Amino acid sequence: SAINNFFCKNKDKISNDSLFFLYFGEPNCRYLVDDNYYPFKKNIDLWKNYKNNDKKLKILDDLINNYDKIINAMEKYTKNYFIITPTTGFFPSLFYMNYFNKLLKDRYKMKIINIYDKVINEDGLVDNHYLNEDIQYDPIHLNNNISELFLDTLESRNIINDKNIYINTDYHNKNFTKHRKFNTYII
């Protein structure tokens, strides 16, 4: 499997202190909106009257069972893994994402890094503080404020000791990859 290959190829680089963060589910939730991965290619205003389909939630139940295989493969190599709750700025998929994240939290409990609940406002939408500034062009990805929230969450859970190590310019430039198309960082 890809996980086995990764750990075998990188065994000299991985220490007992290495942390691994899994992030899955966002594309799957988005797919359920329009039965394709690119519903956001339509004008975002067309989605304002979107109706959720409760029958599609069963797909997410099955999906979470498939992710158990990934978790089991990870546990062969490390206990230092965490699962980040998926987030998105694409509001039609939030119904499915709410359900998916509940499944994740119920199943994996303390392994969850719950970012999603922190970006959702009282109206059930993503807070503007996290939305990409050009929502028409890219309604999927959140802005870089999500990175700060992620590091704050890791620090508050004592997963990392000092978030400033990770926002230091030298560390940031060496270990974060700028995704040019979406103006976001891959950590």
Protein backbone atom coordinates (compact mmCIF):
# COMPACT_ATOMS: atom_id res chain seq x y z
CA SER A 1 0.00 0.00 0.00
CA ALA A 2 1.02 3.65 -0.33
CA ILE A 3 1.37 3.97 3.44
CA ASN A 4 3.66 0.94 3.66
CA ASN A 5 5.76 2.32 0.79
CA PHE A 6 5.97 5.75 2.43
CA PHE A 7 7.20 4.39 5.76
CA CYS A 8 9.68 2.02 4.11
CA LYS A 9 11.15 4.73 1.87
CA ASN A 10 11.37 7.29 4.66
CA LYS A 11 12.32 5.18 7.67
CA ASP A 12 15.66 7.02 8.05
CA LYS A 13 13.88 10.40 8.16
CA ILE A 14 11.11 9.44 10.58
CA SER A 15 11.74 9.69 14.32
CA ASN A 16 9.63 8.67 17.30
CA ASP A 17 8.64 12.35 17.57
CA SER A 18 7.39 12.62 13.99
CA LEU A 19 3.76 13.65 13.69
CA PHE A 20 1.43 12.57 10.90
CA PHE A 21 -1.79 14.32 9.99
CA LEU A 22 -4.41 12.70 7.82
CA TYR A 23 -6.93 14.82 6.00
CA PHE A 24 -9.63 13.09 4.04
CA GLY A 25 -13.29 13.39 3.25
CA GLU A 26 -13.65 16.86 1.73
CA PRO A 27 -13.66 15.70 -1.92
CA ASN A 28 -16.06 12.89 -1.00
CA CYS A 29 -18.51 15.32 0.63
CA ARG A 30 -18.21 17.70 -2.32
CA TYR A 31 -18.87 14.86 -4.76
CA LEU A 32 -22.24 14.17 -3.15
CA VAL A 33 -23.46 17.67 -3.99
CA ASP A 34 -23.63 17.14 -7.75
CA ASP A 35 -22.23 13.63 -8.34
CA ASN A 36 -18.93 15.05 -9.55
CA TYR A 37 -15.83 16.54 -7.97
CA TYR A 38 -16.21 19.91 -9.70
CA PRO A 39 -19.65 21.31 -8.82
CA PHE A 40 -17.93 24.58 -7.93
CA LYS A 41 -17.21 25.14 -11.66
CA LYS A 42 -20.77 26.47 -11.85
CA ASN A 43 -21.38 30.00 -10.63
CA ILE A 44 -21.54 29.92 -6.83
CA ASP A 45 -24.83 31.85 -6.86
CA LEU A 46 -26.51 28.87 -8.57
CA TRP A 47 -26.06 26.84 -5.38
CA LYS A 48 -28.08 29.10 -3.08
CA ASN A 49 -31.22 26.93 -3.45
CA TYR A 50 -29.43 23.59 -3.28
CA LYS A 51 -31.40 20.80 -1.57
CA ASN A 52 -29.51 18.19 0.46
CA ASN A 53 -30.15 14.51 -0.14
CA ASP A 54 -30.33 12.50 3.12
CA LYS A 55 -30.14 9.24 1.16
CA LYS A 56 -26.56 10.00 0.17
CA LEU A 57 -25.40 9.95 3.80
CA LYS A 58 -25.15 6.14 3.61
CA ILE A 59 -22.25 6.62 1.20
CA LEU A 60 -20.35 8.43 3.96
CA ASP A 61 -21.04 5.58 6.39
CA ASP A 62 -19.38 3.20 3.93
CA LEU A 63 -16.55 5.63 3.30
CA ILE A 64 -15.64 5.90 6.96
CA ASN A 65 -15.33 2.11 7.09
CA ASN A 66 -12.89 2.25 4.17
CA TYR A 67 -10.78 4.82 6.01
CA ASP A 68 -10.33 2.29 8.80
CA LYS A 69 -7.97 0.46 6.45
CA ILE A 70 -5.76 3.56 6.22
CA ILE A 71 -5.81 3.99 9.99
CA ASN A 72 -4.90 0.35 10.54
CA ALA A 73 -1.98 0.67 8.13
CA MET A 74 -0.77 3.81 9.94
CA GLU A 75 -0.92 2.09 13.31
CA LYS A 76 1.55 -0.55 12.13
CA TYR A 77 4.18 2.20 11.97
CA THR A 78 3.19 4.94 14.40
CA LYS A 79 0.78 6.03 17.09
CA ASN A 80 1.67 9.67 16.38
CA TYR A 81 -1.03 10.25 13.81
CA PHE A 82 -4.03 12.54 13.94
CA ILE A 83 -7.02 13.09 11.69
CA ILE A 84 -7.93 16.66 10.74
CA THR A 85 -11.63 17.29 10.27
CA PRO A 86 -12.18 18.36 6.66
CA THR A 87 -13.30 21.90 5.97
CA THR A 88 -14.37 23.82 2.91
CA GLY A 89 -15.73 27.16 1.86
CA PHE A 90 -18.15 25.48 -0.56
CA PHE A 91 -21.37 25.82 1.41
CA PRO A 92 -23.50 23.21 -0.46
CA SER A 93 -21.22 20.44 0.83
CA LEU A 94 -21.43 21.53 4.49
CA PHE A 95 -24.48 19.33 5.13
CA TYR A 96 -22.50 16.23 4.13
CA MET A 97 -19.38 17.48 5.87
CA ASN A 98 -21.27 17.96 9.15
CA TYR A 99 -22.34 14.34 9.01
CA PHE A 100 -18.92 13.06 7.95
CA ASN A 101 -17.15 14.97 10.71
CA LYS A 102 -19.59 13.60 13.29
CA LEU A 103 -18.70 10.09 12.12
CA LEU A 104 -14.97 10.90 12.37
CA LYS A 105 -15.31 12.37 15.87
CA ASP A 106 -17.44 9.47 17.12
CA ARG A 107 -15.08 6.85 15.76
CA TYR A 108 -11.62 8.32 16.31
CA LYS A 109 -12.23 10.55 19.35
CA MET A 110 -8.88 11.84 20.68
CA LYS A 111 -7.14 11.31 17.35
CA ILE A 112 -9.29 14.08 15.86
CA ILE A 113 -7.98 17.61 15.32
CA ASN A 114 -11.30 19.40 15.10
CA ILE A 115 -10.80 22.42 12.89
CA TYR A 116 -14.21 22.27 11.25
CA ASP A 117 -16.30 23.20 14.29
CA LYS A 118 -14.05 26.21 14.89
CA VAL A 119 -14.57 27.72 11.43
CA ILE A 120 -18.35 27.31 11.31
CA ASN A 121 -20.31 30.34 12.50
CA GLU A 122 -23.69 30.52 14.25
CA ASP A 123 -25.45 30.45 10.84
CA GLY A 124 -23.87 27.08 10.02
CA LEU A 125 -21.58 28.58 7.37
CA VAL A 126 -17.83 29.10 7.26
CA ASP A 127 -16.87 32.31 9.03
CA ASN A 128 -15.71 35.00 6.58
CA HIS A 129 -12.38 35.17 8.44
CA TYR A 130 -11.46 31.83 6.83
CA LEU A 131 -12.99 32.16 3.35
CA ASN A 132 -10.79 32.54 0.32
CA GLU A 133 -10.90 36.15 -0.82
CA ASP A 134 -11.99 35.16 -4.33
CA ILE A 135 -14.82 32.78 -3.52
CA GLN A 136 -16.07 32.84 -7.13
CA TYR A 137 -12.73 31.50 -8.37
CA ASP A 138 -12.03 29.07 -5.54
CA PRO A 139 -14.92 28.31 -3.18
CA ILE A 140 -13.27 25.09 -1.94
CA HIS A 141 -10.04 26.16 -0.23
CA LEU A 142 -9.93 28.32 2.86
CA ASN A 143 -7.42 31.12 3.30
CA ASN A 144 -4.19 30.91 5.27
CA ASN A 145 -5.91 31.84 8.55
CA ILE A 146 -6.73 28.15 8.76
CA SER A 147 -3.02 27.39 9.25
CA GLU A 148 -2.91 29.62 12.33
CA LEU A 149 -6.04 27.94 13.70
CA PHE A 150 -4.51 24.52 13.05
CA LEU A 151 -1.32 25.41 14.93
CA ASP A 152 -3.31 26.98 17.80
CA THR A 153 -5.33 23.76 18.08
CA LEU A 154 -2.21 21.58 18.12
CA GLU A 155 -0.66 23.77 20.80
CA SER A 156 -3.80 23.81 22.97
CA ARG A 157 -3.96 20.00 22.78
CA ASN A 158 -0.25 19.76 23.72
CA ILE A 159 0.56 17.99 20.47
CA ILE A 160 3.17 20.66 19.81
CA ASN A 161 4.86 22.76 22.47
CA ASP A 162 5.32 26.05 20.68
CA LYS A 163 3.51 27.04 17.51
CA ASN A 164 6.02 29.85 16.95
CA ILE A 165 8.60 27.29 15.86
CA TYR A 166 6.35 26.55 12.91
CA ILE A 167 5.60 30.14 11.98
CA ASN A 168 9.21 31.23 12.16
CA THR A 169 10.16 32.47 8.70
CA ASP A 170 13.12 30.12 8.20
CA TYR A 171 11.14 27.05 9.25
CA HIS A 172 8.15 28.19 7.24
CA ASN A 173 10.15 28.71 4.06
CA LYS A 174 11.80 25.30 4.33
CA ASN A 175 8.82 23.21 5.39
CA PHE A 176 5.71 24.79 3.93
CA THR A 177 4.99 24.59 0.23
CA LYS A 178 3.13 27.47 -1.39
CA HIS A 179 0.38 26.26 -3.71
CA ARG A 180 0.52 28.91 -6.39
CA LYS A 181 -2.91 28.30 -7.93
CA PHE A 182 -4.86 28.61 -4.68
CA ASN A 183 -2.54 30.94 -2.74
CA THR A 184 -2.53 28.53 0.19
CA TYR A 185 0.19 26.63 2.04
CA ILE A 186 0.64 22.90 2.17
CA ILE A 187 2.00 22.10 5.60
